[in-house]
Amino acid sequence: MGDRSQPPSPRFPHGSTPTLSTLTLLLLFCGQAHSQCKILRCNAEYVSSTLSLREGASSGTPRGGGRGGLASSGLCRALRSYALCTRRTARTCRGDLAFHSAVHGIEDLMIQHNCSRQGPTAPPPARGPALPGAGSDPCDYEARFSRLHGRAPGFLHCASFGDPHVRSFHHHFHTCRVQGAWPLLDNDFLFVQATSSPVASGANATTTRKITIIFKNMQECIDQKVYQAEVDNLPAAFEDGSINGGDRPGGSSLSIQTANPGNHVEIRAAYIGTTIIIRQTAGQLSFSIRVAEDVARAFSAEQDLQLCVGGCPPSQRLSRSERNRRGAIAIDTARRLCKEGLPVEDAYFQSCVFDVSVSGDPNFTVAAQTALDDARGRGWCEKTQCCAKENRRDKGDGRDNYTHLEQEATVQG
């Protein structure tokens, strides 16, 4: 999987990657920066400012469409900002390998992409919003909320797993054909993007191959942090090599843990009452989040495309006829395999049957089982009747919601 202290190199025009003297040197040794040297912050700000450019180059379809290729003007602005940041921290970074590698790498990239030294720079990252009632514990969301309201806060759960199946905050299940990069979350505190590709050549079903998470600057709590996971590369650190929120007083309120390196990562953001789990099973990535309600709802009208909020757009949901096409494994065989770990025929079971049938890989049963386990762990499901109980609510149209989900949600999604 490579050195986990090094962020993956961005992709550039025509599919080429920078040479060793450019991006590889740019972020090399970034996890070993001196404590007073702020090069890690410079690295994080550069990664964040070029995220949309890199996704456009690698997928060609950022957020479900839009421009492809790398905008060199945007890259030049980001590089000038990066160079300015390194100059500001130069005095405290003397002798630091990460700092000197970054300086030389920036110079190489500016030459490679014909960037002038003078010109506009990327806008600085916002300092970040503050949740009300900071008081004496500004970076402990649950304690702050309880003190203000006299009760525990409410939480929402969202998950994406398998081909992929998205369970939204509103308990809707969709099976999506989304290809390229799509946002799962986009609010004032978090940005989460999943990048998917077809399970096989010509297939409508896709699987998630990459997940990018940005924890935005938050007052005195954390520096902006970027986490990126890809299939066969689940680092136990942020892209700048750190494992917490940085040098601010509440930096420890953001942390990364792993109980199964390479297959499972848990990120806890106590300052916003959020826990994120990323898993790798059957050559795909699964995502699960438990987030405070007011954090999940802190977004503007321009941030309306969020799969965790609205589910998959109707045009991106697999239809019943597409779901019923002959797969690599017979439906009866897939049902038998899924039944072993999912005895209740709920939305997770139906998702499992679809995944195993289409992919032909029995390991997809694990993706559905762990998604259900994560939902239970987040407090949304109870014992073995998780979705059977939750989904069997009268829809007012002569069908209960479980049947509705099986025929429409888990078939489309």
Protein backbone atom coordinates (compact mmCIF):
# COMPACT_ATOMS: atom_id res chain seq x y z
CA MET A 1 0.00 0.00 0.00
CA GLY A 2 3.03 2.31 0.15
CA ASP A 3 4.09 4.73 2.82
CA ARG A 4 0.99 5.88 4.66
CA SER A 5 2.63 9.17 5.58
CA GLN A 6 2.51 10.21 1.92
CA PRO A 7 -0.69 11.45 0.29
CA PRO A 8 -1.53 9.89 -3.09
CA SER A 9 -0.20 11.99 -5.96
CA PRO A 10 -2.81 13.96 -7.91
CA ARG A 11 -3.35 13.12 -11.55
CA PHE A 12 -2.55 15.65 -14.20
CA PRO A 13 -3.46 16.26 -17.88
CA HIS A 14 -3.40 13.38 -20.33
CA GLY A 15 -3.29 10.89 -17.43
CA SER A 16 0.39 11.65 -16.70
CA THR A 17 1.68 11.84 -13.15
CA PRO A 18 4.35 14.24 -11.90
CA THR A 19 7.90 12.96 -11.84
CA LEU A 20 9.88 12.20 -8.70
CA SER A 21 11.18 15.78 -8.69
CA THR A 22 7.64 17.20 -8.60
CA LEU A 23 4.73 15.91 -6.53
CA THR A 24 6.53 12.93 -5.05
CA LEU A 25 9.10 15.29 -3.57
CA LEU A 26 6.39 17.87 -2.90
CA LEU A 27 4.83 15.87 -0.06
CA LEU A 28 7.62 13.42 0.78
CA PHE A 29 8.36 13.01 4.48
CA CYS A 30 5.33 15.20 5.29
CA GLY A 31 4.54 13.12 8.35
CA GLN A 32 7.92 13.99 9.89
CA ALA A 33 7.70 17.79 9.91
CA HIS A 34 9.01 19.55 13.01
CA SER A 35 6.34 20.49 15.53
CA GLN A 36 6.84 24.25 15.06
CA CYS A 37 7.13 24.02 11.28
CA LYS A 38 3.73 24.61 9.65
CA ILE A 39 4.47 22.75 6.39
CA LEU A 40 1.76 20.17 7.18
CA ARG A 41 -0.81 22.96 7.16
CA CYS A 42 0.55 24.22 3.83
CA ASN A 43 0.31 20.69 2.43
CA ALA A 44 -3.29 20.27 3.63
CA GLU A 45 -4.38 23.61 2.17
CA TYR A 46 -2.78 22.75 -1.19
CA VAL A 47 -4.44 19.32 -1.29
CA SER A 48 -7.81 20.87 -0.48
CA SER A 49 -7.51 23.65 -3.07
CA THR A 50 -6.65 21.16 -5.84
CA LEU A 51 -9.18 18.48 -4.88
CA SER A 52 -11.79 19.40 -7.50
CA LEU A 53 -9.06 19.76 -10.15
CA ARG A 54 -7.67 16.31 -9.40
CA GLU A 55 -11.10 14.67 -9.37
CA GLY A 56 -11.92 16.29 -12.70
CA ALA A 57 -8.73 14.92 -14.20
CA SER A 58 -9.17 11.41 -12.82
CA SER A 59 -12.89 10.86 -13.38
CA GLY A 60 -13.88 13.47 -15.93
CA THR A 61 -17.23 13.79 -14.20
CA PRO A 62 -16.91 15.70 -10.94
CA ARG A 63 -20.22 15.79 -9.08
CA GLY A 64 -21.97 13.87 -11.78
CA GLY A 65 -20.89 16.01 -14.67
CA GLY A 66 -19.07 19.19 -15.52
CA ARG A 67 -15.68 19.83 -16.90
CA GLY A 68 -13.03 17.21 -17.43
CA GLY A 69 -9.28 17.73 -17.35
CA LEU A 70 -7.19 19.92 -15.12
CA ALA A 71 -7.61 23.69 -15.29
CA SER A 72 -4.01 24.93 -15.37
CA SER A 73 -5.06 28.40 -14.20
CA GLY A 74 -6.57 26.86 -11.06
CA LEU A 75 -3.43 24.81 -10.49
CA CYS A 76 -1.21 27.89 -10.86
CA ARG A 77 -3.29 29.79 -8.32
CA ALA A 78 -2.99 26.87 -5.90
CA LEU A 79 0.79 26.61 -6.45
CA ARG A 80 1.30 30.35 -5.85
CA SER A 81 -0.67 30.04 -2.60
CA TYR A 82 1.39 26.98 -1.66
CA ALA A 83 4.63 28.89 -2.34
CA LEU A 84 3.42 31.85 -0.26
CA CYS A 85 2.57 29.52 2.64
CA THR A 86 6.05 27.96 2.54
CA ARG A 87 7.69 31.40 2.57
CA ARG A 88 5.70 32.41 5.64
CA THR A 89 6.83 29.34 7.58
CA ALA A 90 10.40 29.25 6.25
CA ARG A 91 12.05 30.57 9.44
CA THR A 92 10.71 27.74 11.63
CA CYS A 93 11.28 25.06 8.98
CA ARG A 94 15.04 25.32 8.49
CA GLY A 95 16.50 21.85 8.11
CA ASP A 96 13.08 20.21 7.75
CA LEU A 97 13.09 17.67 4.90
CA ALA A 98 9.36 17.97 4.22
CA PHE A 99 9.67 21.74 3.90
CA HIS A 100 12.61 21.68 1.50
CA SER A 101 11.03 18.91 -0.58
CA ALA A 102 7.87 20.98 -0.88
CA VAL A 103 9.79 24.10 -1.95
CA HIS A 104 11.66 22.26 -4.70
CA GLY A 105 8.53 20.41 -5.80
CA ILE A 106 6.53 23.63 -6.12
CA GLU A 107 9.27 25.12 -8.28
CA ASP A 108 9.27 22.07 -10.57
CA LEU A 109 5.49 22.10 -10.94
CA MET A 110 5.36 25.82 -11.71
CA ILE A 111 7.91 25.33 -14.49
CA GLN A 112 6.16 22.22 -15.78
CA HIS A 113 2.81 24.02 -16.06
CA ASN A 114 4.14 27.41 -17.20
CA CYS A 115 2.93 29.22 -14.08
CA SER A 116 4.12 32.78 -13.54
CA ARG A 117 5.41 33.71 -10.12
CA GLN A 118 3.15 36.75 -9.97
CA GLY A 119 -0.60 36.44 -10.25
CA PRO A 120 -3.77 35.55 -8.37
CA THR A 121 -3.67 33.01 -5.57
CA ALA A 122 -6.25 30.52 -4.33
CA PRO A 123 -8.58 31.99 -1.68
CA PRO A 124 -7.49 31.08 1.85
CA PRO A 125 -9.59 28.40 3.56
CA ALA A 126 -12.32 29.81 5.75
CA ARG A 127 -11.64 29.80 9.46
CA GLY A 128 -14.74 27.71 9.84
CA PRO A 129 -18.11 28.11 11.51
CA ALA A 130 -18.75 27.91 15.22
CA LEU A 131 -21.56 25.93 16.73
CA PRO A 132 -23.57 27.86 19.34
CA GLY A 133 -22.69 27.71 23.01
CA ALA A 134 -18.96 27.13 22.77
CA GLY A 135 -18.35 27.93 26.44
CA SER A 136 -15.63 25.99 28.22
CA ASP A 137 -15.83 22.90 26.02
CA PRO A 138 -15.96 24.21 22.43
CA CYS A 139 -14.60 21.00 20.93
CA ASP A 140 -16.88 18.50 22.69
CA TYR A 141 -20.13 18.66 20.76
CA GLU A 142 -22.19 16.26 22.90
CA ALA A 143 -21.21 17.92 26.19
CA ARG A 144 -21.89 21.37 24.75
CA PHE A 145 -25.30 20.36 23.39
CA SER A 146 -26.33 18.67 26.64
CA ARG A 147 -25.37 21.72 28.66
CA LEU A 148 -27.37 24.02 26.39
CA HIS A 149 -30.49 21.88 25.95
CA GLY A 150 -30.57 19.59 28.97
CA ARG A 151 -30.77 16.47 26.81
CA ALA A 152 -28.64 14.36 24.51
CA PRO A 153 -28.38 15.49 20.89
CA GLY A 154 -30.10 13.74 18.00
CA PHE A 155 -28.09 11.93 15.35
CA LEU A 156 -28.57 10.86 11.72
CA HIS A 157 -27.15 7.85 9.91
CA CYS A 158 -26.14 7.43 6.27
CA ALA A 159 -24.35 4.60 4.51
CA SER A 160 -23.08 3.63 1.08
CA PHE A 161 -22.01 0.08 0.30
CA GLY A 162 -22.02 -2.52 -2.45
CA ASP A 163 -23.01 -1.55 -5.98
CA PRO A 164 -23.51 1.09 -4.40
CA HIS A 165 -26.61 1.11 -2.22
CA VAL A 166 -27.20 4.42 -0.46
CA ARG A 167 -29.17 4.65 2.75
CA SER A 168 -30.02 8.33 3.21
CA PHE A 169 -30.55 10.25 6.43
CA HIS A 170 -34.28 9.79 5.79
CA HIS A 171 -34.01 5.96 5.69
CA HIS A 172 -34.50 5.69 1.92
CA PHE A 173 -32.54 2.98 0.12
CA HIS A 174 -31.42 3.47 -3.48
CA THR A 175 -29.22 1.35 -5.71
CA CYS A 176 -27.33 3.79 -7.90
CA ARG A 177 -25.52 3.68 -11.21
CA VAL A 178 -23.55 6.81 -10.26
CA GLN A 179 -20.23 6.80 -12.11
CA GLY A 180 -17.40 9.20 -11.42
CA ALA A 181 -17.25 11.51 -8.41
CA TRP A 182 -20.44 12.31 -6.45
CA PRO A 183 -20.88 14.08 -3.09
CA LEU A 184 -22.30 12.09 -0.21
CA LEU A 185 -22.13 15.15 2.06
CA ASP A 186 -21.44 18.82 1.43
CA ASN A 187 -22.12 21.11 4.39
CA ASP A 188 -20.45 23.80 6.47
CA PHE A 189 -18.34 21.30 8.41
CA LEU A 190 -17.80 18.26 6.15
CA PHE A 191 -17.34 17.36 2.52
CA VAL A 192 -17.47 13.67 1.55
CA GLN A 193 -17.09 12.51 -2.03
CA ALA A 194 -17.30 8.96 -3.42
CA THR A 195 -15.84 7.99 -6.79
CA SER A 196 -17.35 4.93 -8.49
CA SER A 197 -16.67 2.84 -11.58
CA PRO A 198 -18.57 -0.05 -13.27
CA VAL A 199 -18.32 -3.48 -11.67
CA ALA A 200 -17.56 -4.88 -15.12
CA SER A 201 -17.20 -3.60 -18.67
CA GLY A 202 -20.61 -2.51 -19.98
CA ALA A 203 -22.34 -2.99 -16.62
CA ASN A 204 -24.77 -0.40 -15.23
CA ALA A 205 -23.95 -1.29 -11.63
CA THR A 206 -20.93 0.47 -10.11
CA THR A 207 -18.83 0.14 -6.98
CA THR A 208 -17.06 2.79 -4.93
CA ARG A 209 -13.32 2.77 -5.50
CA LYS A 210 -12.32 5.98 -3.76
CA ILE A 211 -13.59 8.14 -0.88
CA THR A 212 -12.38 11.65 -0.10
CA ILE A 213 -13.30 13.48 3.12
CA ILE A 214 -12.54 17.10 4.02
CA PHE A 215 -12.91 18.17 7.65
CA LYS A 216 -13.17 21.94 7.32
CA ASN A 217 -11.42 24.45 9.56
CA MET A 218 -13.28 24.79 12.83
CA GLN A 219 -12.43 27.83 14.95
CA GLU A 220 -10.11 26.76 17.79
CA CYS A 221 -10.77 23.03 17.28
CA ILE A 222 -9.04 21.74 14.13
CA ASP A 223 -7.01 22.69 11.11
CA GLN A 224 -8.54 21.67 7.81
CA LYS A 225 -7.80 17.98 7.24
CA VAL A 226 -8.17 15.82 4.14
CA TYR A 227 -8.58 12.03 4.26
CA GLN A 228 -8.52 9.92 1.12
CA ALA A 229 -9.03 6.16 0.82
CA GLU A 230 -8.79 4.03 -2.31
CA VAL A 231 -9.24 0.32 -2.88
CA ASP A 232 -6.13 -1.42 -1.49
CA ASN A 233 -5.04 1.79 0.23
CA LEU A 234 -6.85 2.69 3.46
CA PRO A 235 -4.31 4.86 5.27
CA ALA A 236 -4.53 5.30 9.02
CA ALA A 237 -3.61 8.98 8.67
CA PHE A 238 -4.75 12.15 6.94
CA GLU A 239 -3.13 13.19 3.68
CA ASP A 240 -0.60 15.37 5.51
CA GLY A 241 0.56 12.38 7.56
CA SER A 242 -1.09 13.49 10.81
CA ILE A 243 -3.54 11.43 12.89
CA ASN A 244 -5.38 14.26 14.65
CA GLY A 245 -6.81 17.73 14.08
CA GLY A 246 -3.53 19.63 14.35
CA ASP A 247 -1.97 22.13 16.73
CA ARG A 248 -5.09 24.03 17.78
CA PRO A 249 -6.29 23.59 21.38
CA GLY A 250 -8.97 21.10 20.35
CA GLY A 251 -6.82 19.16 17.87
CA SER A 252 -7.39 15.90 19.73
CA SER A 253 -11.15 16.15 19.04
CA LEU A 254 -10.43 14.72 15.56
CA SER A 255 -8.70 11.35 15.42
CA ILE A 256 -8.20 8.25 13.25
CA GLN A 257 -8.27 4.71 14.60
CA THR A 258 -8.07 1.28 13.01
CA ALA A 259 -8.67 -2.18 14.43
CA ASN A 260 -7.95 -3.94 11.12
CA PRO A 261 -5.27 -2.05 9.18
CA GLY A 262 -5.90 -1.90 5.46
CA ASN A 263 -9.54 -2.95 5.76
CA HIS A 264 -11.18 -0.71 8.36
CA VAL A 265 -10.72 2.91 9.44
CA GLU A 266 -12.77 4.85 11.99
CA ILE A 267 -12.55 8.64 12.14
CA ARG A 268 -13.99 10.36 15.20
CA ALA A 269 -14.78 14.06 15.06
CA ALA A 270 -15.98 14.82 18.60
CA TYR A 271 -16.10 18.56 17.92
CA ILE A 272 -19.08 18.01 15.54
CA GLY A 273 -20.51 14.84 17.09
CA THR A 274 -19.55 12.68 14.11
CA THR A 275 -18.13 9.21 13.59
CA ILE A 276 -17.21 7.87 10.13
CA ILE A 277 -16.36 4.26 9.28
CA ILE A 278 -14.72 3.22 6.00
CA ARG A 279 -14.30 -0.45 5.13
CA GLN A 280 -12.90 -2.42 2.22
CA THR A 281 -14.65 -5.65 1.22
CA ALA A 282 -14.86 -7.47 -2.11
CA GLY A 283 -12.75 -4.88 -3.90
CA GLN A 284 -14.99 -1.93 -2.99
CA LEU A 285 -15.24 0.70 -0.27
CA SER A 286 -18.13 1.07 2.15
CA PHE A 287 -18.95 4.29 3.98
CA SER A 288 -20.99 4.80 7.16
CA ILE A 289 -21.55 7.97 9.16
CA ARG A 290 -23.28 8.94 12.40
CA VAL A 291 -23.58 12.71 12.53
CA ALA A 292 -25.30 15.26 14.75
CA GLU A 293 -28.56 16.52 13.23
CA ASP A 294 -27.70 20.21 13.19
CA VAL A 295 -24.30 19.47 11.63
CA ALA A 296 -25.90 17.39 8.85
CA ARG A 297 -28.40 20.19 8.16
CA ALA A 298 -25.87 23.04 8.06
CA PHE A 299 -25.80 23.63 4.30
CA SER A 300 -27.06 26.21 1.83
CA ALA A 301 -29.38 25.88 -1.16
CA GLU A 302 -26.34 25.70 -3.44
CA GLN A 303 -25.22 22.53 -1.65
CA ASP A 304 -28.35 20.58 -2.59
CA LEU A 305 -26.64 17.62 -4.29
CA GLN A 306 -25.86 15.27 -1.40
CA LEU A 307 -26.61 11.56 -1.71
CA CYS A 308 -26.92 11.22 2.07
CA VAL A 309 -29.59 13.92 2.11
CA GLY A 310 -31.64 13.32 -1.03
CA GLY A 311 -30.54 9.85 -2.08
CA CYS A 312 -29.53 9.19 -5.66
CA PRO A 313 -31.12 11.40 -8.32
CA PRO A 314 -33.95 9.53 -10.11
CA SER A 315 -31.93 9.39 -13.33
CA GLN A 316 -29.13 7.57 -11.49
CA ARG A 317 -31.25 4.83 -9.89
CA LEU A 318 -31.23 1.34 -11.36
CA SER A 319 -34.69 0.36 -12.60
CA ARG A 320 -36.46 -2.90 -11.81
CA SER A 321 -35.76 -4.26 -15.29
CA GLU A 322 -32.07 -3.48 -14.94
CA ARG A 323 -31.98 -5.17 -11.55
CA ASN A 324 -33.68 -8.29 -12.93
CA ARG A 325 -31.22 -8.85 -15.76
CA ARG A 326 -29.40 -12.16 -15.62
CA GLY A 327 -26.37 -11.89 -13.37
CA ALA A 328 -23.19 -13.86 -12.93
CA ILE A 329 -24.86 -15.98 -10.21
CA ALA A 330 -28.44 -17.23 -10.17
CA ILE A 331 -30.80 -15.31 -7.88
CA ASP A 332 -31.65 -18.42 -5.83
CA THR A 333 -27.96 -19.08 -5.21
CA ALA A 334 -27.40 -15.45 -4.24
CA ARG A 335 -30.35 -15.56 -1.85
CA ARG A 336 -28.98 -18.68 -0.17
CA LEU A 337 -25.54 -17.09 0.28
CA CYS A 338 -26.98 -13.87 1.69
CA LYS A 339 -29.38 -15.70 4.01
CA GLU A 340 -26.48 -17.17 5.96
CA GLY A 341 -25.51 -13.79 7.44
CA LEU A 342 -28.75 -11.83 6.88
CA PRO A 343 -31.67 -13.98 8.07
CA VAL A 344 -34.23 -11.14 7.82
CA GLU A 345 -35.25 -10.34 4.24
CA ASP A 346 -34.97 -6.58 4.62
CA ALA A 347 -33.37 -3.89 2.47
CA TYR A 348 -29.87 -5.06 3.40
CA PHE A 349 -30.73 -8.61 2.37
CA GLN A 350 -32.16 -7.44 -0.97
CA SER A 351 -29.06 -5.33 -1.55
CA CYS A 352 -26.87 -8.33 -0.82
CA VAL A 353 -28.77 -10.53 -3.29
CA PHE A 354 -28.39 -7.92 -6.02
CA ASP A 355 -24.66 -7.45 -5.38
CA VAL A 356 -23.81 -11.15 -5.28
CA SER A 357 -25.92 -11.93 -8.33
CA VAL A 358 -24.51 -9.11 -10.48
CA SER A 359 -20.87 -9.40 -9.42
CA GLY A 360 -20.66 -13.17 -9.03
CA ASP A 361 -18.58 -12.57 -5.89
CA PRO A 362 -19.87 -14.17 -2.66
CA ASN A 363 -17.66 -11.78 -0.69
CA PHE A 364 -20.26 -9.06 -1.32
CA THR A 365 -22.31 -10.65 1.44
CA VAL A 366 -19.79 -9.15 3.87
CA ALA A 367 -20.42 -5.61 2.55
CA ALA A 368 -24.13 -5.81 3.38
CA GLN A 369 -23.53 -7.52 6.74
CA THR A 370 -21.01 -4.91 7.92
CA ALA A 371 -23.27 -2.08 6.70
CA LEU A 372 -26.05 -3.51 8.86
CA ASP A 373 -23.66 -3.94 11.81
CA ASP A 374 -22.58 -0.31 11.48
CA ALA A 375 -26.22 0.82 11.42
CA ARG A 376 -26.91 -1.16 14.58
CA GLY A 377 -23.80 0.25 16.19
CA ARG A 378 -25.00 3.77 15.41
CA GLY A 379 -28.19 3.03 17.34
CA TRP A 380 -30.60 2.84 14.42
CA CYS A 381 -31.43 -0.84 14.41
CA GLU A 382 -32.46 -3.29 17.09
CA LYS A 383 -31.53 -6.96 17.23
CA THR A 384 -32.45 -9.08 14.18
CA GLN A 385 -35.49 -7.07 13.15
CA CYS A 386 -33.48 -4.00 12.10
CA CYS A 387 -34.98 -3.06 8.80
CA ALA A 388 -37.96 -5.39 8.91
CA LYS A 389 -39.30 -3.37 11.87
CA GLU A 390 -38.13 -0.05 10.55
CA ASN A 391 -39.47 -0.47 7.03
CA ARG A 392 -42.83 -2.08 7.74
CA ARG A 393 -44.66 1.17 8.17
CA ASP A 394 -47.88 1.77 6.34
CA LYS A 395 -47.41 3.92 3.24
CA GLY A 396 -51.13 4.67 2.93
CA ASP A 397 -51.31 3.02 -0.48
CA GLY A 398 -52.14 -0.55 0.51
CA ARG A 399 -48.53 -1.59 0.76
CA ASP A 400 -46.27 -1.47 3.76
CA ASN A 401 -42.96 0.33 3.47
CA TYR A 402 -40.92 -2.87 3.52
CA THR A 403 -42.68 -4.13 0.39
CA HIS A 404 -42.36 -0.66 -1.14
CA LEU A 405 -38.63 -0.67 -0.43
CA GLU A 406 -38.20 -4.14 -1.91
CA GLN A 407 -40.10 -3.31 -5.08
CA GLU A 408 -38.88 0.23 -5.61
CA ALA A 409 -36.14 1.39 -3.25
CA THR A 410 -33.95 -1.69 -3.15
CA VAL A 411 -34.71 -2.48 -6.77
CA GLN A 412 -33.91 1.04 -7.85
CA GLY A 413 -31.78 1.17 -4.76
